[in-house]
Structures are given as C-alpha cells and as structure tokens.
Amino acid sequence: MNCGAARRFRSKVHACCLKSIASSDSKIRANNSTDQFWVGIGTNPVTVKTVTSLGLFGATTYTLTANTSIKGIASNNAETILYFSNNTGGGALKRWNLSTDAAMADFLAGVGTRRIVDILVLTDDTVVFLTFDGARDTNVFHYDAAASLLHTYAIGTGAISTVPRLA
C-alpha cells in the first residue's frame, strides 16, 4: 500500500505510529545503532528528516542543496555522515556532513551508467550499495569507510518488474 506516509512497525507487525510525508518520492532507511529512521524527501532541493522510534520527527531538517532527487539513503552508525544517491544513471554515491549540515566530497564516483538504488551501512561502518541499470542487471558493492572496494557481487539479470532493494 502506497499511502505517502512512513509507518513504524514493532515486531508484532502492528502500526504504532503514522507520519505524513510531503512527497511520494521519499526514501527511508533505519539506523539500527540508534533506532532512528532517516527519511529523504524528493523535493527540490531534497530534504532529509529523522523519525524516532516513537514516531516523532526530529528537530532538524537537512536541506541537501544542489540535489533534486534521491534514490538511496543511509547514515553511518554515529549519525555524522549521510550517504545518499540521486535518481540518475551514473550518479555518484554522495555524502552529507550531518554535524555541519554541509556537502562533503563524493564517497565514490558513479558506477558506469548504473543507478545506485539502495544503500546500507553495516555495524562496522562499511558501506554496501546496490546498482541497477536499464537492462535490469544488478550488482552489489561493498566498500570500507575509506572508499576502498572490499567485494563485488554480480547478481545478474532477471525478469524483475520492480527495482530491487537490499533489505
């Protein structure tokens, strides 16, 4: 069900809160270290908010200047860096300094003509991201926090009707 809202579920799978989000082009990712959600809203420019485990919006709204779309989003475990991608083929894996509310140097240049469609930050602060192209070819890349490649997983193509996600 796509109702343009973020829902928070407990382990017993019942809705414990509902927060309206201003755009249907929104992305969400949980930070398991802090039990907080990061929500990227595809406005122009993109805005990012947090949602607590109680379902309350955080006090700060981050405005990602010079970014007009968002596809993947994840924060590092300390919640000082936001990793994100735009909805463009060949786009970079970008970073935003959450402490100073300012753009950082790109974490990684784009991967050919592929879209970076999903991002995870693991407990060791390594970054995993999934790429997808027009031919439905899917790959997963695993990088350390210094942007050195650790692993590449070629998932391949298939009769996929939706854009794949990591988790």
Foldseek 3Di string as FASTA:
>chain_A
DQPQWDFAADPVGDTQDIDHDPASQKDWDAQVLQQKIWIWHQAVQIKIWIAHNNGRIDPDIQGAHPHRAWAEWDAFNVRQKIWTFGAFFQQFGWIAGPVVSGGDPTLGGGDHRWGFRYWDQDNQRWIKTWTADPQRWIKIWIAHPNSDTDDIGGPGHDDDPDNDYDD
